[in-house]
Every structure is written in C-alpha cells, then in structure tokens.
Amino acid sequence: MAKKRRGKHVPQRTCVGCHQTLAKRQLVRLVCTPQGVRVDLTGRLPGRGAYLHDKRSCWERALKKGTLARALRVELTADDLARLQAFMAVLPDDDDETGAGAPAN
C-alpha cells in the first residue's frame, strides 16, 4: 500500500486589522524591538510580532482601534506611529481583493 502524502504545511496568521486568517507570507509582519515597532519584511526579526494585510484600510483600522498595540503588548509612541503611517502611505487603499469590510447581503 502506498502512503498518502500530505501537502507542505503552510503557517497561518490573522490580520489584526480585519481578523482574516491567511498564509503567513501574504501578510506584513510588525515586530516590537528595543528601538520601537518596526515593519519586518523578512519575517525574521526577533521579538513579539503582529500581522497586517498590505492594504491601507487594515492598517488604519489597526492603528485607530488600538488592536495593533494590543497585539504587540506595547504602547505605540509618536515615533512608532509616524514610522507606521509613512509605511502605510504607500499601501493600496482598496479592499476589493479579499472582500474584507464589504457589506454582507
């Protein structure tokens, strides 16, 4: 009898902005470091991390509601907010791809 091979395990993470679960590689990691909260594009920086979509609407929601600070278990400083808002400014602002935030009919 041949054994069934299972597919490769794909780690899942939840966006702290819209709470949608996706593959880890599809989200942007933010990490709390001694120098403050940083965007971790490599996904390898040490420290407590949180994940967000690469869409402005998720970032705005996470910063406005405080879910990012709660997930990282830190108080976001003015420098942290400025750095994150600068990164957020270059992100697309539509959520049509995932349907997140779309009204359910």
PDB file of N, CA and C in Angstrom:
ATOM      1  N   MET A   1       0.819  -1.175   0.000  1.00  0.00           N
ATOM      2  CA  MET A   1       0.000   0.000   0.000  1.00  0.00           C
ATOM      3  C   MET A   1       0.870   1.247   0.000  1.00  0.00           C
ATOM      4  N   ALA A   2       0.502   2.169  -0.835  1.00  0.00           N
ATOM      5  CA  ALA A   2       1.237   3.441  -0.899  1.00  0.00           C
ATOM      6  C   ALA A   2       0.684   4.405   0.148  1.00  0.00           C
ATOM      7  N   LYS A   3       1.587   5.113   0.803  1.00  0.00           N
ATOM      8  CA  LYS A   3       1.162   6.104   1.789  1.00  0.00           C
ATOM      9  C   LYS A   3       0.719   7.373   1.078  1.00  0.00           C
ATOM     10  N   LYS A   4      -0.313   8.003   1.628  1.00  0.00           N
ATOM     11  CA  LYS A   4      -0.749   9.279   1.092  1.00  0.00           C
ATOM     12  C   LYS A   4       0.204  10.357   1.575  1.00  0.00           C
ATOM     13  N   ARG A   5       0.628  11.195   0.665  1.00  0.00           N
ATOM     14  CA  ARG A   5       1.497  12.301   1.044  1.00  0.00           C
ATOM     15  C   ARG A   5       0.645  13.534   1.289  1.00  0.00           C
ATOM     16  N   ARG A   6       0.891  14.141   2.420  1.00  0.00           N
ATOM     17  CA  ARG A   6       0.182  15.374   2.723  1.00  0.00           C
ATOM     18  C   ARG A   6       0.968  16.531   2.129  1.00  0.00           C
ATOM     19  N   GLY A   7       0.262  17.604   1.806  1.00  0.00           N
ATOM     20  CA  GLY A   7       0.914  18.795   1.282  1.00  0.00           C
ATOM     21  C   GLY A   7       1.767  19.457   2.352  1.00  0.00           C
ATOM     22  N   LYS A   8       2.616  20.337   1.912  1.00  0.00           N
ATOM     23  CA  LYS A   8       3.502  21.041   2.829  1.00  0.00           C
ATOM     24  C   LYS A   8       2.671  21.939   3.746  1.00  0.00           C
ATOM     25  N   HIS A   9       3.056  21.976   5.012  1.00  0.00           N
ATOM     26  CA  HIS A   9       2.363  22.795   5.997  1.00  0.00           C
ATOM     27  C   HIS A   9       2.586  24.277   5.691  1.00  0.00           C
ATOM     28  N   VAL A  10       1.501  25.047   5.637  1.00  0.00           N
ATOM     29  CA  VAL A  10       1.581  26.485   5.397  1.00  0.00           C
ATOM     30  C   VAL A  10       1.120  27.189   6.671  1.00  0.00           C
ATOM     31  N   PRO A  11       2.031  27.907   7.361  1.00  0.00           N
ATOM     32  CA  PRO A  11       1.645  28.590   8.588  1.00  0.00           C
ATOM     33  C   PRO A  11       0.585  29.652   8.328  1.00  0.00           C
ATOM     34  N   GLN A  12      -0.395  29.728   9.205  1.00  0.00           N
ATOM     35  CA  GLN A  12      -1.482  30.686   9.079  1.00  0.00           C
ATOM     36  C   GLN A  12      -1.338  31.771  10.140  1.00  0.00           C
ATOM     37  N   ARG A  13      -1.682  33.013   9.779  1.00  0.00           N
ATOM     38  CA  ARG A  13      -1.676  34.127  10.716  1.00  0.00           C
ATOM     39  C   ARG A  13      -2.943  34.943  10.504  1.00  0.00           C
ATOM     40  N   THR A  14      -3.314  35.717  11.505  1.00  0.00           N
ATOM     41  CA  THR A  14      -4.519  36.530  11.449  1.00  0.00           C
ATOM     42  C   THR A  14      -4.154  38.002  11.378  1.00  0.00           C
ATOM     43  N   CYS A  15      -4.759  38.724  10.447  1.00  0.00           N
ATOM     44  CA  CYS A  15      -4.562  40.165  10.310  1.00  0.00           C
ATOM     45  C   CYS A  15      -5.222  40.843  11.503  1.00  0.00           C
ATOM     46  N   VAL A  16      -4.488  41.699  12.229  1.00  0.00           N
ATOM     47  CA  VAL A  16      -5.061  42.360  13.394  1.00  0.00           C
ATOM     48  C   VAL A  16      -5.985  43.503  13.000  1.00  0.00           C
ATOM     49  N   GLY A  17      -6.014  43.852  11.716  1.00  0.00           N
ATOM     50  CA  GLY A  17      -6.914  44.902  11.251  1.00  0.00           C
ATOM     51  C   GLY A  17      -8.297  44.383  10.923  1.00  0.00           C
ATOM     52  N   CYS A  18      -8.369  43.314  10.122  1.00  0.00           N
ATOM     53  CA  CYS A  18      -9.670  42.797   9.673  1.00  0.00           C
ATOM     54  C   CYS A  18      -9.986  41.408  10.227  1.00  0.00           C
ATOM     55  N   HIS A  19      -9.056  40.792  10.935  1.00  0.00           N
ATOM     56  CA  HIS A  19      -9.211  39.478  11.568  1.00  0.00           C
ATOM     57  C   HIS A  19      -9.411  38.342  10.571  1.00  0.00           C
ATOM     58  N   GLN A  20      -8.903  38.509   9.352  1.00  0.00           N
ATOM     59  CA  GLN A  20      -8.968  37.441   8.358  1.00  0.00           C
ATOM     60  C   GLN A  20      -7.709  36.594   8.477  1.00  0.00           C
ATOM     61  N   THR A  21      -7.857  35.272   8.417  1.00  0.00           N
ATOM     62  CA  THR A  21      -6.730  34.362   8.514  1.00  0.00           C
ATOM     63  C   THR A  21      -6.234  34.011   7.122  1.00  0.00           C
ATOM     64  N   LEU A  22      -4.925  34.191   6.920  1.00  0.00           N
ATOM     65  CA  LEU A  22      -4.289  33.904   5.638  1.00  0.00           C
ATOM     66  C   LEU A  22      -2.942  33.243   5.877  1.00  0.00           C
ATOM     67  N   ALA A  23      -2.305  32.830   4.784  1.00  0.00           N
ATOM     68  CA  ALA A  23      -0.950  32.291   4.878  1.00  0.00           C
ATOM     69  C   ALA A  23      -0.012  33.388   5.383  1.00  0.00           C
ATOM     70  N   LYS A  24       0.921  33.005   6.209  1.00  0.00           N
ATOM     71  CA  LYS A  24       1.859  33.940   6.828  1.00  0.00           C
ATOM     72  C   LYS A  24       2.549  34.833   5.799  1.00  0.00           C
ATOM     73  N   ARG A  25       2.929  34.285   4.666  1.00  0.00           N
ATOM     74  CA  ARG A  25       3.651  35.026   3.629  1.00  0.00           C
ATOM     75  C   ARG A  25       2.805  36.086   2.938  1.00  0.00           C
ATOM     76  N   GLN A  26       1.477  36.038   3.081  1.00  0.00           N
ATOM     77  CA  GLN A  26       0.603  37.009   2.436  1.00  0.00           C
ATOM     78  C   GLN A  26       0.370  38.244   3.301  1.00  0.00           C
ATOM     79  N   LEU A  27       0.919  38.250   4.501  1.00  0.00           N
ATOM     80  CA  LEU A  27       0.718  39.360   5.424  1.00  0.00           C
ATOM     81  C   LEU A  27       2.048  40.044   5.730  1.00  0.00           C
ATOM     82  N   VAL A  28       1.976  41.278   6.209  1.00  0.00           N
ATOM     83  CA  VAL A  28       3.160  42.048   6.597  1.00  0.00           C
ATOM     84  C   VAL A  28       3.334  41.912   8.105  1.00  0.00           C
ATOM     85  N   ARG A  29       4.538  41.559   8.536  1.00  0.00           N
ATOM     86  CA  ARG A  29       4.805  41.388   9.968  1.00  0.00           C
ATOM     87  C   ARG A  29       5.331  42.679  10.556  1.00  0.00           C
ATOM     88  N   LEU A  30       4.807  43.021  11.718  1.00  0.00           N
ATOM     89  CA  LEU A  30       5.330  44.129  12.510  1.00  0.00           C
ATOM     90  C   LEU A  30       5.874  43.525  13.780  1.00  0.00           C
ATOM     91  N   VAL A  31       6.999  44.048  14.244  1.00  0.00           N
ATOM     92  CA  VAL A  31       7.652  43.460  15.398  1.00  0.00           C
ATOM     93  C   VAL A  31       8.032  44.555  16.385  1.00  0.00           C
ATOM     94  N   CYS A  32       7.909  44.228  17.662  1.00  0.00           N
ATOM     95  CA  CYS A  32       8.288  45.129  18.734  1.00  0.00           C
ATOM     96  C   CYS A  32       9.755  44.867  19.077  1.00  0.00           C
ATOM     97  N   THR A  33      10.606  45.863  18.852  1.00  0.00           N
ATOM     98  CA  THR A  33      12.034  45.751  19.148  1.00  0.00           C
ATOM     99  C   THR A  33      12.393  46.771  20.221  1.00  0.00           C
ATOM    100  N   PRO A  34      13.588  46.696  20.789  1.00  0.00           N
ATOM    101  CA  PRO A  34      14.003  47.721  21.754  1.00  0.00           C
ATOM    102  C   PRO A  34      14.040  49.126  21.142  1.00  0.00           C
ATOM    103  N   GLN A  35      14.175  49.235  19.813  1.00  0.00           N
ATOM    104  CA  GLN A  35      14.182  50.525  19.128  1.00  0.00           C
ATOM    105  C   GLN A  35      12.782  50.997  18.760  1.00  0.00           C
ATOM    106  N   GLY A  36      11.762  50.223  19.075  1.00  0.00           N
ATOM    107  CA  GLY A  36      10.386  50.586  18.749  1.00  0.00           C
ATOM    108  C   GLY A  36       9.757  49.568  17.818  1.00  0.00           C
ATOM    109  N   VAL A  37       8.553  49.863  17.369  1.00  0.00           N
ATOM    110  CA  VAL A  37       7.827  48.966  16.467  1.00  0.00           C
ATOM    111  C   VAL A  37       8.369  49.160  15.055  1.00  0.00           C
ATOM    112  N   ARG A  38       8.719  48.054  14.404  1.00  0.00           N
ATOM    113  CA  ARG A  38       9.305  48.078  13.061  1.00  0.00           C
ATOM    114  C   ARG A  38       8.522  47.171  12.123  1.00  0.00           C
ATOM    115  N   VAL A  39       8.538  47.522  10.835  1.00  0.00           N
ATOM    116  CA  VAL A  39       7.988  46.648   9.802  1.00  0.00           C
ATOM    117  C   VAL A  39       9.072  45.627   9.493  1.00  0.00           C
ATOM    118  N   ASP A  40       8.716  44.352   9.559  1.00  0.00           N
ATOM    119  CA  ASP A  40       9.669  43.262   9.338  1.00  0.00           C
ATOM    120  C   ASP A  40       9.331  42.554   8.033  1.00  0.00           C
ATOM    121  N   LEU A  41       9.883  43.047   6.939  1.00  0.00           N
ATOM    122  CA  LEU A  41       9.587  42.458   5.632  1.00  0.00           C
ATOM    123  C   LEU A  41      10.218  41.089   5.454  1.00  0.00           C
ATOM    124  N   THR A  42      11.274  40.781   6.222  1.00  0.00           N
ATOM    125  CA  THR A  42      11.912  39.477   6.117  1.00  0.00           C
ATOM    126  C   THR A  42      11.187  38.421   6.945  1.00  0.00           C
ATOM    127  N   GLY A  43      10.463  38.860   7.981  1.00  0.00           N
ATOM    128  CA  GLY A  43       9.768  37.924   8.856  1.00  0.00           C
ATOM    129  C   GLY A  43      10.692  37.204   9.815  1.00  0.00           C
ATOM    130  N   ARG A  44      11.905  37.723  10.018  1.00  0.00           N
ATOM    131  CA  ARG A  44      12.901  37.024  10.826  1.00  0.00           C
ATOM    132  C   ARG A  44      13.425  37.815  12.023  1.00  0.00           C
ATOM    133  N   LEU A  45      12.971  39.050  12.200  1.00  0.00           N
ATOM    134  CA  LEU A  45      13.453  39.826  13.341  1.00  0.00           C
ATOM    135  C   LEU A  45      12.960  39.206  14.641  1.00  0.00           C
ATOM    136  N   PRO A  46      13.806  39.208  15.672  1.00  0.00           N
ATOM    137  CA  PRO A  46      13.356  38.666  16.958  1.00  0.00           C
ATOM    138  C   PRO A  46      12.407  39.637  17.658  1.00  0.00           C
ATOM    139  N   GLY A  47      11.486  39.100  18.399  1.00  0.00           N
ATOM    140  CA  GLY A  47      10.552  39.930  19.155  1.00  0.00           C
ATOM    141  C   GLY A  47       9.114  39.539  18.892  1.00  0.00           C
ATOM    142  N   ARG A  48       8.240  40.125  19.672  1.00  0.00           N
ATOM    143  CA  ARG A  48       6.816  39.843  19.536  1.00  0.00           C
ATOM    144  C   ARG A  48       6.297  40.458  18.246  1.00  0.00           C
ATOM    145  N   GLY A  49       5.579  39.677  17.474  1.00  0.00           N
ATOM    146  CA  GLY A  49       5.106  40.142  16.176  1.00  0.00           C
ATOM    147  C   GLY A  49       3.594  40.166  16.059  1.00  0.00           C
ATOM    148  N   ALA A  50       3.132  40.942  15.093  1.00  0.00           N
ATOM    149  CA  ALA A  50       1.717  41.005  14.722  1.00  0.00           C
ATOM    150  C   ALA A  50       1.676  41.128  13.200  1.00  0.00           C
ATOM    151  N   TYR A  51       0.559  40.765  12.609  1.00  0.00           N
ATOM    152  CA  TYR A  51       0.461  40.717  11.158  1.00  0.00           C
ATOM    153  C   TYR A  51      -0.687  41.575  10.649  1.00  0.00           C
ATOM    154  N   LEU A  52      -0.453  42.224   9.494  1.00  0.00           N
ATOM    155  CA  LEU A  52      -1.461  43.048   8.830  1.00  0.00           C
ATOM    156  C   LEU A  52      -1.427  42.776   7.332  1.00  0.00           C
ATOM    157  N   HIS A  53      -2.597  42.952   6.676  1.00  0.00           N
ATOM    158  CA  HIS A  53      -2.634  42.916   5.218  1.00  0.00           C
ATOM    159  C   HIS A  53      -1.787  44.054   4.669  1.00  0.00           C
ATOM    160  N   ASP A  54      -1.474  43.989   3.414  1.00  0.00           N
ATOM    161  CA  ASP A  54      -0.743  45.093   2.786  1.00  0.00           C
ATOM    162  C   ASP A  54      -1.734  46.080   2.159  1.00  0.00           C
ATOM    163  N   LYS A  55      -2.801  46.372   2.901  1.00  0.00           N
ATOM    164  CA  LYS A  55      -3.833  47.311   2.457  1.00  0.00           C
ATOM    165  C   LYS A  55      -4.013  48.396   3.500  1.00  0.00           C
ATOM    166  N   ARG A  56      -4.137  49.607   3.028  1.00  0.00           N
ATOM    167  CA  ARG A  56      -4.237  50.755   3.918  1.00  0.00           C
ATOM    168  C   ARG A  56      -5.417  50.651   4.874  1.00  0.00           C
ATOM    169  N   SER A  57      -6.533  50.116   4.432  1.00  0.00           N
ATOM    170  CA  SER A  57      -7.725  50.041   5.291  1.00  0.00           C
ATOM    171  C   SER A  57      -7.459  49.192   6.539  1.00  0.00           C
ATOM    172  N   CYS A  58      -6.727  48.107   6.411  1.00  0.00           N
ATOM    173  CA  CYS A  58      -6.401  47.271   7.577  1.00  0.00           C
ATOM    174  C   CYS A  58      -5.464  48.012   8.529  1.00  0.00           C
ATOM    175  N   TRP A  59      -4.500  48.722   7.973  1.00  0.00           N
ATOM    176  CA  TRP A  59      -3.555  49.470   8.802  1.00  0.00           C
ATOM    177  C   TRP A  59      -4.270  50.581   9.560  1.00  0.00           C
ATOM    178  N   GLU A  60      -5.155  51.312   8.858  1.00  0.00           N
ATOM    179  CA  GLU A  60      -5.899  52.391   9.515  1.00  0.00           C
ATOM    180  C   GLU A  60      -6.749  51.846  10.655  1.00  0.00           C
ATOM    181  N   ARG A  61      -7.422  50.748  10.400  1.00  0.00           N
ATOM    182  CA  ARG A  61      -8.274  50.128  11.422  1.00  0.00           C
ATOM    183  C   ARG A  61      -7.449  49.672  12.622  1.00  0.00           C
ATOM    184  N   ALA A  62      -6.308  49.048  12.365  1.00  0.00           N
ATOM    185  CA  ALA A  62      -5.470  48.534  13.455  1.00  0.00           C
ATOM    186  C   ALA A  62      -4.876  49.657  14.296  1.00  0.00           C
ATOM    187  N   LEU A  63      -4.514  50.765  13.656  1.00  0.00           N
ATOM    188  CA  LEU A  63      -3.952  51.895  14.403  1.00  0.00           C
ATOM    189  C   LEU A  63      -5.040  52.674  15.137  1.00  0.00           C
ATOM    190  N   LYS A  64      -6.185  52.842  14.493  1.00  0.00           N
ATOM    191  CA  LYS A  64      -7.276  53.625  15.085  1.00  0.00           C
ATOM    192  C   LYS A  64      -7.899  52.923  16.280  1.00  0.00           C
ATOM    193  N   LYS A  65      -8.174  51.643  16.150  1.00  0.00           N
ATOM    194  CA  LYS A  65      -8.834  50.892  17.224  1.00  0.00           C
ATOM    195  C   LYS A  65      -7.866  50.405  18.291  1.00  0.00           C
ATOM    196  N   GLY A  66      -6.574  50.497  18.044  1.00  0.00           N
ATOM    197  CA  GLY A  66      -5.589  50.063  19.019  1.00  0.00           C
ATOM    198  C   GLY A  66      -5.333  48.565  19.032  1.00  0.00           C
ATOM    199  N   THR A  67      -5.828  47.851  18.025  1.00  0.00           N
ATOM    200  CA  THR A  67      -5.623  46.400  18.014  1.00  0.00           C
ATOM    201  C   THR A  67      -4.160  46.036  17.769  1.00  0.00           C
ATOM    202  N   LEU A  68      -3.442  46.887  17.045  1.00  0.00           N
ATOM    203  CA  LEU A  68      -2.015  46.618  16.814  1.00  0.00           C
ATOM    204  C   LEU A  68      -1.242  46.737  18.121  1.00  0.00           C
ATOM    205  N   ALA A  69      -1.464  47.806  18.860  1.00  0.00           N
ATOM    206  CA  ALA A  69      -0.776  47.990  20.146  1.00  0.00           C
ATOM    207  C   ALA A  69      -1.119  46.856  21.110  1.00  0.00           C
ATOM    208  N   ARG A  70      -2.371  46.433  21.104  1.00  0.00           N
ATOM    209  CA  ARG A  70      -2.799  45.343  21.987  1.00  0.00           C
ATOM    210  C   ARG A  70      -2.143  44.025  21.586  1.00  0.00           C
ATOM    211  N   ALA A  71      -2.048  43.769  20.281  1.00  0.00           N
ATOM    212  CA  ALA A  71      -1.430  42.526  19.805  1.00  0.00           C
ATOM    213  C   ALA A  71       0.063  42.486  20.124  1.00  0.00           C
ATOM    214  N   LEU A  72       0.715  43.647  20.045  1.00  0.00           N
ATOM    215  CA  LEU A  72       2.146  43.706  20.337  1.00  0.00           C
ATOM    216  C   LEU A  72       2.433  43.875  21.823  1.00  0.00           C
ATOM    217  N   ARG A  73       1.388  44.165  22.581  1.00  0.00           N
ATOM    218  CA  ARG A  73       1.502  44.397  24.034  1.00  0.00           C
ATOM    219  C   ARG A  73       2.449  45.542  24.360  1.00  0.00           C
ATOM    220  N   VAL A  74       2.306  46.641  23.597  1.00  0.00           N
ATOM    221  CA  VAL A  74       3.112  47.841  23.828  1.00  0.00           C
ATOM    222  C   VAL A  74       2.226  49.075  23.680  1.00  0.00           C
ATOM    223  N   GLU A  75       2.742  50.192  24.152  1.00  0.00           N
ATOM    224  CA  GLU A  75       2.128  51.491  23.914  1.00  0.00           C
ATOM    225  C   GLU A  75       2.874  52.094  22.727  1.00  0.00           C
ATOM    226  N   LEU A  76       2.164  52.412  21.651  1.00  0.00           N
ATOM    227  CA  LEU A  76       2.814  52.965  20.467  1.00  0.00           C
ATOM    228  C   LEU A  76       3.224  54.411  20.740  1.00  0.00           C
ATOM    229  N   THR A  77       4.496  54.724  20.488  1.00  0.00           N
ATOM    230  CA  THR A  77       4.996  56.076  20.685  1.00  0.00           C
ATOM    231  C   THR A  77       4.700  56.919  19.445  1.00  0.00           C
ATOM    232  N   ALA A  78       4.943  58.213  19.544  1.00  0.00           N
ATOM    233  CA  ALA A  78       4.746  59.104  18.404  1.00  0.00           C
ATOM    234  C   ALA A  78       5.682  58.719  17.257  1.00  0.00           C
ATOM    235  N   ASP A  79       6.915  58.306  17.588  1.00  0.00           N
ATOM    236  CA  ASP A  79       7.860  57.858  16.554  1.00  0.00           C
ATOM    237  C   ASP A  79       7.356  56.594  15.863  1.00  0.00           C
ATOM    238  N   ASP A  80       6.819  55.659  16.656  1.00  0.00           N
ATOM    239  CA  ASP A  80       6.265  54.425  16.087  1.00  0.00           C
ATOM    240  C   ASP A  80       5.128  54.749  15.120  1.00  0.00           C
ATOM    241  N   LEU A  81       4.213  55.609  15.568  1.00  0.00           N
ATOM    242  CA  LEU A  81       3.065  55.975  14.725  1.00  0.00           C
ATOM    243  C   LEU A  81       3.515  56.660  13.444  1.00  0.00           C
ATOM    244  N   ALA A  82       4.486  57.560  13.553  1.00  0.00           N
ATOM    245  CA  ALA A  82       4.985  58.254  12.359  1.00  0.00           C
ATOM    246  C   ALA A  82       5.609  57.266  11.380  1.00  0.00           C
ATOM    247  N   ARG A  83       6.401  56.332  11.878  1.00  0.00           N
ATOM    248  CA  ARG A  83       7.061  55.334  11.033  1.00  0.00           C
ATOM    249  C   ARG A  83       6.022  54.428  10.361  1.00  0.00           C
ATOM    250  N   LEU A  84       5.017  53.999  11.119  1.00  0.00           N
ATOM    251  CA  LEU A  84       3.986  53.122  10.564  1.00  0.00           C
ATOM    252  C   LEU A  84       3.096  53.854   9.568  1.00  0.00           C
ATOM    253  N   GLN A  85       2.780  55.113   9.843  1.00  0.00           N
ATOM    254  CA  GLN A  85       1.954  55.885   8.909  1.00  0.00           C
ATOM    255  C   GLN A  85       2.707  56.185   7.615  1.00  0.00           C
ATOM    256  N   ALA A  86       4.023  56.365   7.704  1.00  0.00           N
ATOM    257  CA  ALA A  86       4.819  56.566   6.489  1.00  0.00           C
ATOM    258  C   ALA A  86       4.801  55.305   5.626  1.00  0.00           C
ATOM    259  N   PHE A  87       4.895  54.139   6.254  1.00  0.00           N
ATOM    260  CA  PHE A  87       4.829  52.880   5.509  1.00  0.00           C
ATOM    261  C   PHE A  87       3.417  52.687   4.940  1.00  0.00           C
ATOM    262  N   MET A  88       2.408  53.026   5.740  1.00  0.00           N
ATOM    263  CA  MET A  88       1.014  52.867   5.326  1.00  0.00           C
ATOM    264  C   MET A  88       0.681  53.756   4.126  1.00  0.00           C
ATOM    265  N   ALA A  89       1.333  54.905   3.997  1.00  0.00           N
ATOM    266  CA  ALA A  89       1.031  55.849   2.925  1.00  0.00           C
ATOM    267  C   ALA A  89       1.301  55.283   1.537  1.00  0.00           C
ATOM    268  N   VAL A  90       2.183  54.304   1.424  1.00  0.00           N
ATOM    269  CA  VAL A  90       2.497  53.737   0.107  1.00  0.00           C
ATOM    270  C   VAL A  90       1.673  52.484  -0.204  1.00  0.00           C
ATOM    271  N   LEU A  91       0.796  52.085   0.709  1.00  0.00           N
ATOM    272  CA  LEU A  91      -0.013  50.881   0.501  1.00  0.00           C
ATOM    273  C   LEU A  91      -1.279  51.204  -0.291  1.00  0.00           C
ATOM    274  N   PRO A  92      -1.787  50.222  -1.055  1.00  0.00           N
ATOM    275  CA  PRO A  92      -3.064  50.428  -1.758  1.00  0.00           C
ATOM    276  C   PRO A  92      -4.200  50.562  -0.750  1.00  0.00           C
ATOM    277  N   ASP A  93      -5.230  51.342  -1.105  1.00  0.00           N
ATOM    278  CA  ASP A  93      -6.293  51.573  -0.143  1.00  0.00           C
ATOM    279  C   ASP A  93      -7.615  50.916  -0.501  1.00  0.00           C
ATOM    280  N   ASP A  94      -7.647  49.990  -1.424  1.00  0.00           N
ATOM    281  CA  ASP A  94      -8.915  49.306  -1.685  1.00  0.00           C
ATOM    282  C   ASP A  94      -8.882  47.904  -1.128  1.00  0.00           C
ATOM    283  N   ASP A  95     -10.039  47.401  -0.650  1.00  0.00           N
ATOM    284  CA  ASP A  95     -10.089  46.027  -0.172  1.00  0.00           C
ATOM    285  C   ASP A  95     -10.953  45.146  -1.054  1.00  0.00           C
ATOM    286  N   ASP A  96     -10.993  45.406  -2.319  1.00  0.00           N
ATOM    287  CA  ASP A  96     -11.811  44.617  -3.228  1.00  0.00           C
ATOM    288  C   ASP A  96     -11.276  43.196  -3.416  1.00  0.00           C
ATOM    289  N   GLU A  97      -9.958  42.989  -3.269  1.00  0.00           N
ATOM    290  CA  GLU A  97      -9.378  41.660  -3.480  1.00  0.00           C
ATOM    291  C   GLU A  97      -9.919  40.619  -2.517  1.00  0.00           C
ATOM    292  N   THR A  98      -9.940  40.949  -1.207  1.00  0.00           N
ATOM    293  CA  THR A  98     -10.333  39.953  -0.230  1.00  0.00           C
ATOM    294  C   THR A  98     -11.785  40.073   0.162  1.00  0.00           C
ATOM    295  N   GLY A  99     -12.394  41.219  -0.132  1.00  0.00           N
ATOM    296  CA  GLY A  99     -13.777  41.424   0.257  1.00  0.00           C
ATOM    297  C   GLY A  99     -13.904  41.805   1.713  1.00  0.00           C
ATOM    298  N   ALA A 100     -12.801  42.071   2.396  1.00  0.00           N
ATOM    299  CA  ALA A 100     -12.853  42.445   3.792  1.00  0.00           C
ATOM    300  C   ALA A 100     -13.546  43.782   3.923  1.00  0.00           C
ATOM    301  N   GLY A 101     -14.456  43.874   4.844  1.00  0.00           N
ATOM    302  CA  GLY A 101     -15.171  45.113   5.068  1.00  0.00           C
ATOM    303  C   GLY A 101     -16.339  45.319   4.140  1.00  0.00           C
ATOM    304  N   ALA A 102     -16.551  44.404   3.201  1.00  0.00           N
ATOM    305  CA  ALA A 102     -17.677  44.532   2.286  1.00  0.00           C
ATOM    306  C   ALA A 102     -18.956  44.139   3.015  1.00  0.00           C
ATOM    307  N   PRO A 103     -20.042  44.894   2.785  1.00  0.00           N
ATOM    308  CA  PRO A 103     -21.302  44.563   3.452  1.00  0.00           C
ATOM    309  C   PRO A 103     -21.838  43.222   2.981  1.00  0.00           C
ATOM    310  N   ALA A 104     -22.348  42.448   3.911  1.00  0.00           N
ATOM    311  CA  ALA A 104     -22.925  41.141   3.566  1.00  0.00           C
ATOM    312  C   ALA A 104     -24.392  41.301   3.229  1.00  0.00           C
ATOM    313  N   ASN A 105     -24.792  40.776   2.087  1.00  0.00           N
ATOM    314  CA  ASN A 105     -26.203  40.849   1.669  1.00  0.00           C
ATOM    315  C   ASN A 105     -26.845  39.516   1.769  1.00  0.00           C
TER     316      ASN A 105
END
